[in-house]
Amino acid sequence: MFGACIAKEAFFAYLEEIGHPAVPCITIDPDYPSSNSESIAYAETGLEDAIKKLITSATKAGGTYYKSLLYSRKFTIKGINSIAHKK
């Protein structure tokens, strides 16, 4: 859900920077053993609020980049595309 708002790299770096609770894990798909990989599981409690605070505190930093006092790097905020049905 949050990948639709900010880039994956910014998402991970921001949560690490603010110390959001996380646990390293491995994704396992028995149907595709070659796709098993290391990952990070973030606590859902407070996750939505953390991302909302980042986005609402963001100010334009030139071009497509934003900055926030809550995060040390510039980042992009992506609009969510609308869903259209084709006939």
PDB file of N, CA and C in Angstrom:
ATOM      1  N   MET A   1       0.818  -1.190   0.000  1.00  0.00           N
ATOM      2  CA  MET A   1       0.000   0.000   0.000  1.00  0.00           C
ATOM      3  C   MET A   1       0.866   1.259   0.000  1.00  0.00           C
ATOM      4  N   PHE A   2       1.910   1.285   0.838  1.00  0.00           N
ATOM      5  CA  PHE A   2       2.719   2.491   0.928  1.00  0.00           C
ATOM      6  C   PHE A   2       3.660   2.635  -0.252  1.00  0.00           C
ATOM      7  N   GLY A   3       3.935   1.542  -0.953  1.00  0.00           N
ATOM      8  CA  GLY A   3       4.755   1.607  -2.151  1.00  0.00           C
ATOM      9  C   GLY A   3       4.097   2.423  -3.241  1.00  0.00           C
ATOM     10  N   ALA A   4       2.789   2.624  -3.110  1.00  0.00           N
ATOM     11  CA  ALA A   4       2.073   3.455  -4.077  1.00  0.00           C
ATOM     12  C   ALA A   4       2.295   4.941  -3.785  1.00  0.00           C
ATOM     13  N   CYS A   5       2.837   5.260  -2.618  1.00  0.00           N
ATOM     14  CA  CYS A   5       3.019   6.661  -2.216  1.00  0.00           C
ATOM     15  C   CYS A   5       4.460   7.134  -2.316  1.00  0.00           C
ATOM     16  N   ILE A   6       5.391   6.322  -1.829  1.00  0.00           N
ATOM     17  CA  ILE A   6       6.802   6.705  -1.875  1.00  0.00           C
ATOM     18  C   ILE A   6       7.612   5.530  -2.410  1.00  0.00           C
ATOM     19  N   ALA A   7       8.789   5.820  -2.914  1.00  0.00           N
ATOM     20  CA  ALA A   7       9.645   4.779  -3.479  1.00  0.00           C
ATOM     21  C   ALA A   7      10.050   3.773  -2.396  1.00  0.00           C
ATOM     22  N   LYS A   8      10.244   2.527  -2.810  1.00  0.00           N
ATOM     23  CA  LYS A   8      10.590   1.450  -1.890  1.00  0.00           C
ATOM     24  C   LYS A   8      11.856   1.774  -1.100  1.00  0.00           C
ATOM     25  N   GLU A   9      12.861   2.308  -1.762  1.00  0.00           N
ATOM     26  CA  GLU A   9      14.122   2.620  -1.090  1.00  0.00           C
ATOM     27  C   GLU A   9      13.911   3.688  -0.010  1.00  0.00           C
ATOM     28  N   ALA A  10      13.108   4.699  -0.309  1.00  0.00           N
ATOM     29  CA  ALA A  10      12.820   5.749   0.667  1.00  0.00           C
ATOM     30  C   ALA A  10      12.007   5.183   1.829  1.00  0.00           C
ATOM     31  N   PHE A  11      11.080   4.295   1.530  1.00  0.00           N
ATOM     32  CA  PHE A  11      10.260   3.651   2.557  1.00  0.00           C
ATOM     33  C   PHE A  11      11.145   2.925   3.565  1.00  0.00           C
ATOM     34  N   PHE A  12      12.031   2.059   3.065  1.00  0.00           N
ATOM     35  CA  PHE A  12      12.910   1.285   3.940  1.00  0.00           C
ATOM     36  C   PHE A  12      13.866   2.182   4.715  1.00  0.00           C
ATOM     37  N   ALA A  13      14.472   3.148   4.031  1.00  0.00           N
ATOM     38  CA  ALA A  13      15.447   4.028   4.678  1.00  0.00           C
ATOM     39  C   ALA A  13      14.790   4.899   5.744  1.00  0.00           C
ATOM     40  N   TYR A  14      13.611   5.411   5.465  1.00  0.00           N
ATOM     41  CA  TYR A  14      12.894   6.252   6.432  1.00  0.00           C
ATOM     42  C   TYR A  14      12.549   5.450   7.682  1.00  0.00           C
ATOM     43  N   LEU A  15      11.991   4.250   7.506  1.00  0.00           N
ATOM     44  CA  LEU A  15      11.619   3.445   8.666  1.00  0.00           C
ATOM     45  C   LEU A  15      12.835   3.045   9.492  1.00  0.00           C
ATOM     46  N   GLU A  16      13.942   2.787   8.827  1.00  0.00           N
ATOM     47  CA  GLU A  16      15.173   2.481   9.555  1.00  0.00           C
ATOM     48  C   GLU A  16      15.659   3.713  10.322  1.00  0.00           C
ATOM     49  N   GLU A  17      15.584   4.868   9.678  1.00  0.00           N
ATOM     50  CA  GLU A  17      16.045   6.114  10.292  1.00  0.00           C
ATOM     51  C   GLU A  17      15.247   6.484  11.535  1.00  0.00           C
ATOM     52  N   ILE A  18      13.935   6.250  11.498  1.00  0.00           N
ATOM     53  CA  ILE A  18      13.111   6.591  12.662  1.00  0.00           C
ATOM     54  C   ILE A  18      13.061   5.457  13.680  1.00  0.00           C
ATOM     55  N   GLY A  19      13.686   4.336  13.371  1.00  0.00           N
ATOM     56  CA  GLY A  19      13.741   3.219  14.310  1.00  0.00           C
ATOM     57  C   GLY A  19      12.418   2.478  14.453  1.00  0.00           C
ATOM     58  N   HIS A  20      11.650   2.419  13.369  1.00  0.00           N
ATOM     59  CA  HIS A  20      10.380   1.683  13.430  1.00  0.00           C
ATOM     60  C   HIS A  20      10.675   0.203  13.671  1.00  0.00           C
ATOM     61  N   PRO A  21       9.925  -0.450  14.571  1.00  0.00           N
ATOM     62  CA  PRO A  21      10.188  -1.863  14.888  1.00  0.00           C
ATOM     63  C   PRO A  21      10.135  -2.757  13.649  1.00  0.00           C
ATOM     64  N   ALA A  22      11.167  -3.589  13.501  1.00  0.00           N
ATOM     65  CA  ALA A  22      11.269  -4.483  12.342  1.00  0.00           C
ATOM     66  C   ALA A  22      11.954  -5.778  12.757  1.00  0.00           C
ATOM     67  N   VAL A  23      11.666  -6.829  11.986  1.00  0.00           N
ATOM     68  CA  VAL A  23      12.284  -8.132  12.214  1.00  0.00           C
ATOM     69  C   VAL A  23      12.767  -8.662  10.874  1.00  0.00           C
ATOM     70  N   PRO A  24      14.047  -9.052  10.775  1.00  0.00           N
ATOM     71  CA  PRO A  24      14.504  -9.665   9.526  1.00  0.00           C
ATOM     72  C   PRO A  24      13.821 -11.019   9.342  1.00  0.00           C
ATOM     73  N   CYS A  25      13.500 -11.341   8.115  1.00  0.00           N
ATOM     74  CA  CYS A  25      12.833 -12.611   7.840  1.00  0.00           C
ATOM     75  C   CYS A  25      13.207 -13.094   6.441  1.00  0.00           C
ATOM     76  N   ILE A  26      12.725 -14.262   6.099  1.00  0.00           N
ATOM     77  CA  ILE A  26      12.940 -14.819   4.767  1.00  0.00           C
ATOM     78  C   ILE A  26      11.578 -15.134   4.172  1.00  0.00           C
ATOM     79  N   THR A  27      11.349 -14.653   2.959  1.00  0.00           N
ATOM     80  CA  THR A  27      10.108 -15.000   2.273  1.00  0.00           C
ATOM     81  C   THR A  27      10.279 -16.393   1.681  1.00  0.00           C
ATOM     82  N   ILE A  28       9.287 -17.210   1.883  1.00  0.00           N
ATOM     83  CA  ILE A  28       9.357 -18.595   1.393  1.00  0.00           C
ATOM     84  C   ILE A  28       8.108 -18.887   0.579  1.00  0.00           C
ATOM     85  N   ASP A  29       8.306 -19.297  -0.650  1.00  0.00           N
ATOM     86  CA  ASP A  29       7.215 -19.702  -1.521  1.00  0.00           C
ATOM     87  C   ASP A  29       7.529 -21.104  -2.012  1.00  0.00           C
ATOM     88  N   PRO A  30       6.841 -22.117  -1.479  1.00  0.00           N
ATOM     89  CA  PRO A  30       7.155 -23.498  -1.861  1.00  0.00           C
ATOM     90  C   PRO A  30       6.976 -23.772  -3.352  1.00  0.00           C
ATOM     91  N   ASP A  31       6.140 -22.975  -4.020  1.00  0.00           N
ATOM     92  CA  ASP A  31       5.936 -23.164  -5.458  1.00  0.00           C
ATOM     93  C   ASP A  31       7.089 -22.598  -6.285  1.00  0.00           C
ATOM     94  N   TYR A  32       7.813 -21.641  -5.722  1.00  0.00           N
ATOM     95  CA  TYR A  32       8.933 -21.010  -6.421  1.00  0.00           C
ATOM     96  C   TYR A  32      10.133 -20.901  -5.481  1.00  0.00           C
ATOM     97  N   PRO A  33      10.812 -22.022  -5.198  1.00  0.00           N
ATOM     98  CA  PRO A  33      11.918 -21.987  -4.243  1.00  0.00           C
ATOM     99  C   PRO A  33      13.036 -21.021  -4.623  1.00  0.00           C
ATOM    100  N   SER A  34      13.212 -20.756  -5.904  1.00  0.00           N
ATOM    101  CA  SER A  34      14.277 -19.843  -6.314  1.00  0.00           C
ATOM    102  C   SER A  34      13.934 -18.390  -5.979  1.00  0.00           C
ATOM    103  N   SER A  35      12.674 -18.112  -5.642  1.00  0.00           N
ATOM    104  CA  SER A  35      12.281 -16.741  -5.322  1.00  0.00           C
ATOM    105  C   SER A  35      12.404 -16.437  -3.833  1.00  0.00           C
ATOM    106  N   ASN A  36      12.780 -17.413  -3.019  1.00  0.00           N
ATOM    107  CA  ASN A  36      12.940 -17.173  -1.590  1.00  0.00           C
ATOM    108  C   ASN A  36      14.052 -16.150  -1.377  1.00  0.00           C
ATOM    109  N   SER A  37      13.796 -15.162  -0.534  1.00  0.00           N
ATOM    110  CA  SER A  37      14.791 -14.121  -0.342  1.00  0.00           C
ATOM    111  C   SER A  37      14.687 -13.509   1.052  1.00  0.00           C
ATOM    112  N   GLU A  38      15.739 -12.817   1.435  1.00  0.00           N
ATOM    113  CA  GLU A  38      15.731 -12.110   2.707  1.00  0.00           C
ATOM    114  C   GLU A  38      14.819 -10.897   2.585  1.00  0.00           C
ATOM    115  N   SER A  39      14.146 -10.585   3.677  1.00  0.00           N
ATOM    116  CA  SER A  39      13.207  -9.477   3.678  1.00  0.00           C
ATOM    117  C   SER A  39      13.176  -8.862   5.073  1.00  0.00           C
ATOM    118  N   ILE A  40      12.292  -7.902   5.257  1.00  0.00           N
ATOM    119  CA  ILE A  40      12.111  -7.255   6.548  1.00  0.00           C
ATOM    120  C   ILE A  40      10.612  -7.170   6.814  1.00  0.00           C
ATOM    121  N   ALA A  41      10.208  -7.574   8.010  1.00  0.00           N
ATOM    122  CA  ALA A  41       8.810  -7.449   8.416  1.00  0.00           C
ATOM    123  C   ALA A  41       8.713  -6.281   9.394  1.00  0.00           C
ATOM    124  N   TYR A  42       7.891  -5.299   9.057  1.00  0.00           N
ATOM    125  CA  TYR A  42       7.716  -4.128   9.917  1.00  0.00           C
ATOM    126  C   TYR A  42       6.465  -4.284  10.760  1.00  0.00           C
ATOM    127  N   ALA A  43       6.509  -3.800  11.987  1.00  0.00           N
ATOM    128  CA  ALA A  43       5.337  -3.819  12.857  1.00  0.00           C
ATOM    129  C   ALA A  43       4.260  -2.942  12.238  1.00  0.00           C
ATOM    130  N   GLU A  44       3.045  -3.456  12.189  1.00  0.00           N
ATOM    131  CA  GLU A  44       1.951  -2.670  11.600  1.00  0.00           C
ATOM    132  C   GLU A  44       1.539  -1.521  12.501  1.00  0.00           C
ATOM    133  N   THR A  45       1.679  -1.710  13.819  1.00  0.00           N
ATOM    134  CA  THR A  45       1.311  -0.655  14.748  1.00  0.00           C
ATOM    135  C   THR A  45       2.196   0.568  14.519  1.00  0.00           C
ATOM    136  N   GLY A  46       1.581   1.677  14.190  1.00  0.00           N
ATOM    137  CA  GLY A  46       2.297   2.921  13.976  1.00  0.00           C
ATOM    138  C   GLY A  46       2.836   3.120  12.570  1.00  0.00           C
ATOM    139  N   LEU A  47       2.777   2.092  11.723  1.00  0.00           N
ATOM    140  CA  LEU A  47       3.335   2.193  10.373  1.00  0.00           C
ATOM    141  C   LEU A  47       2.582   3.221   9.531  1.00  0.00           C
ATOM    142  N   GLU A  48       1.275   3.133   9.524  1.00  0.00           N
ATOM    143  CA  GLU A  48       0.479   4.076   8.732  1.00  0.00           C
ATOM    144  C   GLU A  48       0.702   5.509   9.208  1.00  0.00           C
ATOM    145  N   ASP A  49       0.726   5.715  10.515  1.00  0.00           N
ATOM    146  CA  ASP A  49       0.949   7.062  11.048  1.00  0.00           C
ATOM    147  C   ASP A  49       2.323   7.596  10.667  1.00  0.00           C
ATOM    148  N   ALA A  50       3.345   6.746  10.707  1.00  0.00           N
ATOM    149  CA  ALA A  50       4.705   7.177  10.360  1.00  0.00           C
ATOM    150  C   ALA A  50       4.768   7.661   8.916  1.00  0.00           C
ATOM    151  N   ILE A  51       4.150   6.921   7.999  1.00  0.00           N
ATOM    152  CA  ILE A  51       4.175   7.311   6.588  1.00  0.00           C
ATOM    153  C   ILE A  51       3.332   8.563   6.363  1.00  0.00           C
ATOM    154  N   LYS A  52       2.176   8.642   7.011  1.00  0.00           N
ATOM    155  CA  LYS A  52       1.337   9.843   6.875  1.00  0.00           C
ATOM    156  C   LYS A  52       2.073  11.080   7.370  1.00  0.00           C
ATOM    157  N   LYS A  53       2.785  10.960   8.492  1.00  0.00           N
ATOM    158  CA  LYS A  53       3.539  12.102   9.019  1.00  0.00           C
ATOM    159  C   LYS A  53       4.609  12.545   8.033  1.00  0.00           C
ATOM    160  N   LEU A  54       5.293  11.583   7.419  1.00  0.00           N
ATOM    161  CA  LEU A  54       6.321  11.929   6.439  1.00  0.00           C
ATOM    162  C   LEU A  54       5.711  12.690   5.268  1.00  0.00           C
ATOM    163  N   ILE A  55       4.620  12.175   4.734  1.00  0.00           N
ATOM    164  CA  ILE A  55       4.002  12.785   3.556  1.00  0.00           C
ATOM    165  C   ILE A  55       3.404  14.155   3.880  1.00  0.00           C
ATOM    166  N   THR A  56       2.726  14.274   5.012  1.00  0.00           N
ATOM    167  CA  THR A  56       2.093  15.555   5.342  1.00  0.00           C
ATOM    168  C   THR A  56       3.106  16.620   5.754  1.00  0.00           C
ATOM    169  N   SER A  57       4.296  16.210   6.176  1.00  0.00           N
ATOM    170  CA  SER A  57       5.321  17.183   6.557  1.00  0.00           C
ATOM    171  C   SER A  57       6.224  17.556   5.383  1.00  0.00           C
ATOM    172  N   ALA A  58       6.010  16.937   4.237  1.00  0.00           N
ATOM    173  CA  ALA A  58       6.874  17.139   3.075  1.00  0.00           C
ATOM    174  C   ALA A  58       6.633  18.501   2.424  1.00  0.00           C
ATOM    175  N   THR A  59       7.732  19.088   1.969  1.00  0.00           N
ATOM    176  CA  THR A  59       7.668  20.325   1.192  1.00  0.00           C
ATOM    177  C   THR A  59       8.460  20.113  -0.094  1.00  0.00           C
ATOM    178  N   LYS A  60       8.084  20.819  -1.125  1.00  0.00           N
ATOM    179  CA  LYS A  60       8.729  20.694  -2.432  1.00  0.00           C
ATOM    180  C   LYS A  60      10.204  21.068  -2.323  1.00  0.00           C
ATOM    181  N   ALA A  61      11.069  20.234  -2.930  1.00  0.00           N
ATOM    182  CA  ALA A  61      12.515  20.492  -2.879  1.00  0.00           C
ATOM    183  C   ALA A  61      13.084  20.671  -4.274  1.00  0.00           C
ATOM    184  N   GLY A  62      12.238  20.902  -5.254  1.00  0.00           N
ATOM    185  CA  GLY A  62      12.683  21.083  -6.632  1.00  0.00           C
ATOM    186  C   GLY A  62      12.439  19.850  -7.471  1.00  0.00           C
ATOM    187  N   GLY A  63      11.990  20.073  -8.679  1.00  0.00           N
ATOM    188  CA  GLY A  63      11.686  18.955  -9.571  1.00  0.00           C
ATOM    189  C   GLY A  63      10.587  18.085  -8.993  1.00  0.00           C
ATOM    190  N   THR A  64      10.826  16.796  -8.976  1.00  0.00           N
ATOM    191  CA  THR A  64       9.834  15.861  -8.434  1.00  0.00           C
ATOM    192  C   THR A  64      10.163  15.449  -7.006  1.00  0.00           C
ATOM    193  N   TYR A  65      11.141  16.115  -6.389  1.00  0.00           N
ATOM    194  CA  TYR A  65      11.589  15.716  -5.056  1.00  0.00           C
ATOM    195  C   TYR A  65      10.947  16.546  -3.951  1.00  0.00           C
ATOM    196  N   TYR A  66      10.815  15.891  -2.792  1.00  0.00           N
ATOM    197  CA  TYR A  66      10.299  16.520  -1.587  1.00  0.00           C
ATOM    198  C   TYR A  66      11.318  16.320  -0.471  1.00  0.00           C
ATOM    199  N   LYS A  67      11.179  17.138   0.583  1.00  0.00           N
ATOM    200  CA  LYS A  67      12.011  16.973   1.763  1.00  0.00           C
ATOM    201  C   LYS A  67      11.117  17.123   2.992  1.00  0.00           C
ATOM    202  N   SER A  68      11.585  16.588   4.108  1.00  0.00           N
ATOM    203  CA  SER A  68      10.841  16.657   5.355  1.00  0.00           C
ATOM    204  C   SER A  68      11.836  16.753   6.499  1.00  0.00           C
ATOM    205  N   LEU A  69      11.453  17.434   7.555  1.00  0.00           N
ATOM    206  CA  LEU A  69      12.296  17.490   8.745  1.00  0.00           C
ATOM    207  C   LEU A  69      12.366  16.125   9.434  1.00  0.00           C
ATOM    208  N   LEU A  70      11.472  15.212   9.070  1.00  0.00           N
ATOM    209  CA  LEU A  70      11.445  13.886   9.683  1.00  0.00           C
ATOM    210  C   LEU A  70      12.405  12.897   9.033  1.00  0.00           C
ATOM    211  N   TYR A  71      12.965  13.261   7.870  1.00  0.00           N
ATOM    212  CA  TYR A  71      13.785  12.330   7.092  1.00  0.00           C
ATOM    213  C   TYR A  71      14.959  13.099   6.489  1.00  0.00           C
ATOM    214  N   SER A  72      16.141  12.515   6.524  1.00  0.00           N
ATOM    215  CA  SER A  72      17.354  13.231   6.127  1.00  0.00           C
ATOM    216  C   SER A  72      17.599  13.296   4.622  1.00  0.00           C
ATOM    217  N   ARG A  73      16.815  12.587   3.836  1.00  0.00           N
ATOM    218  CA  ARG A  73      17.047  12.559   2.387  1.00  0.00           C
ATOM    219  C   ARG A  73      15.851  13.128   1.628  1.00  0.00           C
ATOM    220  N   LYS A  74      16.099  13.484   0.376  1.00  0.00           N
ATOM    221  CA  LYS A  74      14.998  13.877  -0.510  1.00  0.00           C
ATOM    222  C   LYS A  74      14.302  12.609  -0.988  1.00  0.00           C
ATOM    223  N   PHE A  75      13.029  12.718  -1.328  1.00  0.00           N
ATOM    224  CA  PHE A  75      12.263  11.569  -1.793  1.00  0.00           C
ATOM    225  C   PHE A  75      11.163  12.027  -2.729  1.00  0.00           C
ATOM    226  N   THR A  76      10.572  11.086  -3.433  1.00  0.00           N
ATOM    227  CA  THR A  76       9.456  11.405  -4.324  1.00  0.00           C
ATOM    228  C   THR A  76       8.158  10.901  -3.713  1.00  0.00           C
ATOM    229  N   ILE A  77       7.101  11.601  -4.004  1.00  0.00           N
ATOM    230  CA  ILE A  77       5.760  11.174  -3.616  1.00  0.00           C
ATOM    231  C   ILE A  77       5.014  10.903  -4.907  1.00  0.00           C
ATOM    232  N   LYS A  78       4.508   9.692  -5.041  1.00  0.00           N
ATOM    233  CA  LYS A  78       3.808   9.301  -6.265  1.00  0.00           C
ATOM    234  C   LYS A  78       2.305   9.379  -6.050  1.00  0.00           C
ATOM    235  N   GLY A  79       1.606   9.901  -7.033  1.00  0.00           N
ATOM    236  CA  GLY A  79       0.155   9.886  -7.001  1.00  0.00           C
ATOM    237  C   GLY A  79      -0.348   8.490  -7.328  1.00  0.00           C
ATOM    238  N   ILE A  80      -1.477   8.144  -6.795  1.00  0.00           N
ATOM    239  CA  ILE A  80      -2.057   6.831  -7.069  1.00  0.00           C
ATOM    240  C   ILE A  80      -2.889   6.935  -8.341  1.00  0.00           C
ATOM    241  N   ASN A  81      -2.553   6.117  -9.327  1.00  0.00           N
ATOM    242  CA  ASN A  81      -3.280   6.124 -10.608  1.00  0.00           C
ATOM    243  C   ASN A  81      -4.701   5.612 -10.414  1.00  0.00           C
ATOM    244  N   SER A  82      -5.599   6.173 -11.174  1.00  0.00           N
ATOM    245  CA  SER A  82      -6.982   5.719 -11.088  1.00  0.00           C
ATOM    246  C   SER A  82      -7.132   4.392 -11.831  1.00  0.00           C
ATOM    247  N   ILE A  83      -8.134   3.643 -11.453  1.00  0.00           N
ATOM    248  CA  ILE A  83      -8.404   2.364 -12.085  1.00  0.00           C
ATOM    249  C   ILE A  83      -9.505   2.585 -13.124  1.00  0.00           C
ATOM    250  N   ALA A  84      -9.226   2.163 -14.331  1.00  0.00           N
ATOM    251  CA  ALA A  84     -10.207   2.322 -15.404  1.00  0.00           C
ATOM    252  C   ALA A  84     -10.591   0.945 -15.945  1.00  0.00           C
ATOM    253  N   HIS A  85     -11.846   0.786 -16.268  1.00  0.00           N
ATOM    254  CA  HIS A  85     -12.320  -0.465 -16.840  1.00  0.00           C
ATOM    255  C   HIS A  85     -12.416  -0.320 -18.360  1.00  0.00           C
ATOM    256  N   LYS A  86     -11.893  -1.305 -19.056  1.00  0.00           N
ATOM    257  CA  LYS A  86     -11.996  -1.299 -20.512  1.00  0.00           C
ATOM    258  C   LYS A  86     -13.189  -2.148 -20.922  1.00  0.00           C
ATOM    259  N   LYS A  87     -13.841  -1.732 -21.985  1.00  0.00           N
ATOM    260  CA  LYS A  87     -14.996  -2.513 -22.474  1.00  0.00           C
ATOM    261  C   LYS A  87     -14.528  -3.676 -23.302  1.00  0.00           C
TER     262      LYS A  87
END
